[in-house]
Amino acid sequence: MLVVVMRGKNLVARDLNGLSDPYVKVSIRDRVLQTKYVENNLNPDWGEEFSFSMSAVKGMLMFEVWDHDTVGRDDFMGMAVTKLDDLEPGKTVERWLALDGRSEKETRQITGEILVQVTRV
């Protein structure tokens, strides 16, 4: 399976300068891969492709967006989940995923979405 994290838009600002340094963690089960971070940007273009083995094609594909910080912990910016069971072999699906928080309270502070492309090979 190929996963392309294409871009984000209208992401939440987490730094004092009113911007963020966003990156995305992509995970299926216990395998986690991540994009590079884009400095000072709320509408980043990542354009990064990841490959997952076919044995991992059941369940959920999770995307977590984080703000990179050089000092202290990285800040959570939102997450999105998509089901893998509905993907047809050989078909590519491209969609915007709205970001949510990990709780209802956190969701009220989250903005933005990410564009991803998933191909089941």
C-alpha atoms as a PDB file:
ATOM      1  CA  MET A   1       0.000   0.000   0.000  1.00  0.00           C
ATOM      2  CA  LEU A   2       1.254   3.471  -0.879  1.00  0.00           C
ATOM      3  CA  VAL A   3       0.324   6.514   1.180  1.00  0.00           C
ATOM      4  CA  VAL A   4       1.148  10.041   0.042  1.00  0.00           C
ATOM      5  CA  VAL A   5       0.815  12.896   2.522  1.00  0.00           C
ATOM      6  CA  MET A   6       0.325  15.747   0.080  1.00  0.00           C
ATOM      7  CA  ARG A   7      -0.471  18.961   1.920  1.00  0.00           C
ATOM      8  CA  GLY A   8      -2.297  20.665   4.760  1.00  0.00           C
ATOM      9  CA  LYS A   9      -4.456  23.752   4.916  1.00  0.00           C
ATOM     10  CA  ASN A  10      -5.680  26.112   7.622  1.00  0.00           C
ATOM     11  CA  LEU A  11      -3.741  24.281  10.343  1.00  0.00           C
ATOM     12  CA  VAL A  12      -3.816  25.607  13.900  1.00  0.00           C
ATOM     13  CA  ALA A  13      -0.992  27.926  15.025  1.00  0.00           C
ATOM     14  CA  ARG A  14       1.022  26.506  17.916  1.00  0.00           C
ATOM     15  CA  ASP A  15       4.044  28.846  18.045  1.00  0.00           C
ATOM     16  CA  LEU A  16       4.293  32.353  19.519  1.00  0.00           C
ATOM     17  CA  ASN A  17       4.862  33.814  16.041  1.00  0.00           C
ATOM     18  CA  GLY A  18       1.328  32.735  15.029  1.00  0.00           C
ATOM     19  CA  LEU A  19       2.604  29.874  12.861  1.00  0.00           C
ATOM     20  CA  SER A  20       3.597  26.218  13.275  1.00  0.00           C
ATOM     21  CA  ASP A  21       6.283  23.840  12.006  1.00  0.00           C
ATOM     22  CA  PRO A  22       3.986  20.950  11.058  1.00  0.00           C
ATOM     23  CA  TYR A  23       4.787  17.340  10.268  1.00  0.00           C
ATOM     24  CA  VAL A  24       2.599  14.250   9.972  1.00  0.00           C
ATOM     25  CA  LYS A  25       2.954  10.843  11.634  1.00  0.00           C
ATOM     26  CA  VAL A  26       1.343   8.090   9.550  1.00  0.00           C
ATOM     27  CA  SER A  27       0.602   4.822  11.341  1.00  0.00           C
ATOM     28  CA  ILE A  28      -0.942   1.428  10.759  1.00  0.00           C
ATOM     29  CA  ARG A  29      -0.959  -0.799  13.831  1.00  0.00           C
ATOM     30  CA  ASP A  30       2.525  -0.483  15.365  1.00  0.00           C
ATOM     31  CA  ARG A  31       4.337   0.899  12.280  1.00  0.00           C
ATOM     32  CA  VAL A  32       4.801   4.673  12.399  1.00  0.00           C
ATOM     33  CA  LEU A  33       6.440   6.798   9.702  1.00  0.00           C
ATOM     34  CA  GLN A  34       6.622  10.573   9.532  1.00  0.00           C
ATOM     35  CA  THR A  35       7.114  13.441   7.121  1.00  0.00           C
ATOM     36  CA  LYS A  36       9.726  16.152   7.467  1.00  0.00           C
ATOM     37  CA  TYR A  37       8.529  19.288   9.202  1.00  0.00           C
ATOM     38  CA  VAL A  38       7.831  22.472   7.252  1.00  0.00           C
ATOM     39  CA  GLU A  39       8.954  25.623   9.068  1.00  0.00           C
ATOM     40  CA  ASN A  40       6.602  28.516   9.818  1.00  0.00           C
ATOM     41  CA  ASN A  41       3.650  27.330   7.757  1.00  0.00           C
ATOM     42  CA  LEU A  42      -0.070  26.710   8.298  1.00  0.00           C
ATOM     43  CA  ASN A  43      -0.589  25.460   4.716  1.00  0.00           C
ATOM     44  CA  PRO A  44       2.376  23.102   4.219  1.00  0.00           C
ATOM     45  CA  ASP A  45       3.240  21.042   1.153  1.00  0.00           C
ATOM     46  CA  TRP A  46       4.808  17.750   2.240  1.00  0.00           C
ATOM     47  CA  GLY A  47       4.482  15.587  -0.874  1.00  0.00           C
ATOM     48  CA  GLU A  48       5.977  12.557   0.875  1.00  0.00           C
ATOM     49  CA  GLU A  49       5.234   8.941  -0.034  1.00  0.00           C
ATOM     50  CA  PHE A  50       5.267   5.974   2.339  1.00  0.00           C
ATOM     51  CA  SER A  51       4.960   2.261   1.656  1.00  0.00           C
ATOM     52  CA  PHE A  52       3.287  -0.262   3.945  1.00  0.00           C
ATOM     53  CA  SER A  53       3.277  -4.029   3.480  1.00  0.00           C
ATOM     54  CA  MET A  54       0.103  -5.737   2.325  1.00  0.00           C
ATOM     55  CA  SER A  55      -0.191  -7.571   5.633  1.00  0.00           C
ATOM     56  CA  ALA A  56      -0.954  -4.205   7.216  1.00  0.00           C
ATOM     57  CA  VAL A  57      -3.896  -3.392   4.961  1.00  0.00           C
ATOM     58  CA  LYS A  58      -6.628  -4.247   7.467  1.00  0.00           C
ATOM     59  CA  GLY A  59      -7.880  -1.858  10.095  1.00  0.00           C
ATOM     60  CA  MET A  60      -7.261   1.879  10.369  1.00  0.00           C
ATOM     61  CA  LEU A  61      -4.764   4.305   8.886  1.00  0.00           C
ATOM     62  CA  MET A  62      -4.020   7.129  11.326  1.00  0.00           C
ATOM     63  CA  PHE A  63      -2.608  10.564  10.557  1.00  0.00           C
ATOM     64  CA  GLU A  64      -1.402  12.761  13.422  1.00  0.00           C
ATOM     65  CA  VAL A  65      -0.220  16.319  12.781  1.00  0.00           C
ATOM     66  CA  TRP A  66       2.387  17.755  15.152  1.00  0.00           C
ATOM     67  CA  ASP A  67       4.221  21.059  15.525  1.00  0.00           C
ATOM     68  CA  HIS A  68       7.998  20.568  15.686  1.00  0.00           C
ATOM     69  CA  ASP A  69       9.667  22.400  18.581  1.00  0.00           C
ATOM     70  CA  THR A  70      13.425  22.618  19.020  1.00  0.00           C
ATOM     71  CA  VAL A  71      12.976  23.211  22.763  1.00  0.00           C
ATOM     72  CA  GLY A  72      10.482  21.176  24.753  1.00  0.00           C
ATOM     73  CA  ARG A  73       7.842  18.756  23.525  1.00  0.00           C
ATOM     74  CA  ASP A  74       6.263  18.890  20.088  1.00  0.00           C
ATOM     75  CA  ASP A  75       2.675  20.174  20.138  1.00  0.00           C
ATOM     76  CA  PHE A  76      -0.308  18.141  18.947  1.00  0.00           C
ATOM     77  CA  MET A  77      -2.172  19.836  16.070  1.00  0.00           C
ATOM     78  CA  GLY A  78      -4.835  17.253  15.231  1.00  0.00           C
ATOM     79  CA  MET A  79      -5.531  13.790  13.896  1.00  0.00           C
ATOM     80  CA  ALA A  80      -7.572  11.989  11.271  1.00  0.00           C
ATOM     81  CA  VAL A  81      -8.376   8.310  10.783  1.00  0.00           C
ATOM     82  CA  THR A  82      -9.504   6.432   7.696  1.00  0.00           C
ATOM     83  CA  LYS A  83     -10.617   2.804   7.297  1.00  0.00           C
ATOM     84  CA  LEU A  84      -8.559   0.557   5.053  1.00  0.00           C
ATOM     85  CA  ASP A  85     -11.106  -2.216   4.568  1.00  0.00           C
ATOM     86  CA  ASP A  86     -12.983  -0.284   1.863  1.00  0.00           C
ATOM     87  CA  LEU A  87      -9.964   0.189  -0.436  1.00  0.00           C
ATOM     88  CA  GLU A  88     -10.140  -1.751  -3.682  1.00  0.00           C
ATOM     89  CA  PRO A  89      -6.912  -3.354  -4.972  1.00  0.00           C
ATOM     90  CA  GLY A  90      -5.259  -1.192  -7.629  1.00  0.00           C
ATOM     91  CA  LYS A  91      -7.427   1.822  -6.842  1.00  0.00           C
ATOM     92  CA  THR A  92      -6.131   5.207  -5.670  1.00  0.00           C
ATOM     93  CA  VAL A  93      -8.229   7.338  -3.339  1.00  0.00           C
ATOM     94  CA  GLU A  94      -7.410  11.002  -2.764  1.00  0.00           C
ATOM     95  CA  ARG A  95      -9.257  12.946  -0.075  1.00  0.00           C
ATOM     96  CA  TRP A  96      -9.125  15.841   2.323  1.00  0.00           C
ATOM     97  CA  LEU A  97      -9.333  14.681   5.937  1.00  0.00           C
ATOM     98  CA  ALA A  98     -10.594  17.116   8.586  1.00  0.00           C
ATOM     99  CA  LEU A  99      -8.470  17.128  11.723  1.00  0.00           C
ATOM    100  CA  ASP A 100      -9.979  16.361  15.118  1.00  0.00           C
ATOM    101  CA  GLY A 101      -8.666  16.372  18.650  1.00  0.00           C
ATOM    102  CA  ARG A 102      -8.191  13.426  20.955  1.00  0.00           C
ATOM    103  CA  SER A 103     -11.122  14.655  23.075  1.00  0.00           C
ATOM    104  CA  GLU A 104     -14.198  16.812  22.496  1.00  0.00           C
ATOM    105  CA  LYS A 105     -12.592  19.749  24.334  1.00  0.00           C
ATOM    106  CA  GLU A 106      -9.414  19.438  22.274  1.00  0.00           C
ATOM    107  CA  THR A 107     -11.402  19.197  19.009  1.00  0.00           C
ATOM    108  CA  ARG A 108     -12.791  22.715  19.604  1.00  0.00           C
ATOM    109  CA  GLN A 109      -9.192  24.034  19.473  1.00  0.00           C
ATOM    110  CA  ILE A 110      -8.209  22.150  16.285  1.00  0.00           C
ATOM    111  CA  THR A 111      -8.490  23.571  12.773  1.00  0.00           C
ATOM    112  CA  GLY A 112      -7.491  22.467   9.332  1.00  0.00           C
ATOM    113  CA  GLU A 113      -7.301  19.412   7.148  1.00  0.00           C
ATOM    114  CA  ILE A 114      -4.759  17.356   5.270  1.00  0.00           C
ATOM    115  CA  LEU A 115      -4.833  15.989   1.739  1.00  0.00           C
ATOM    116  CA  VAL A 116      -3.762  12.349   1.442  1.00  0.00           C
ATOM    117  CA  GLN A 117      -3.644   9.798  -1.344  1.00  0.00           C
ATOM    118  CA  VAL A 118      -3.869   6.069  -0.625  1.00  0.00           C
ATOM    119  CA  THR A 119      -3.273   3.293  -3.168  1.00  0.00           C
ATOM    120  CA  ARG A 120      -3.793  -0.375  -2.438  1.00  0.00           C
ATOM    121  CA  VAL A 121      -1.402  -2.276  -4.693  1.00  0.00           C
END
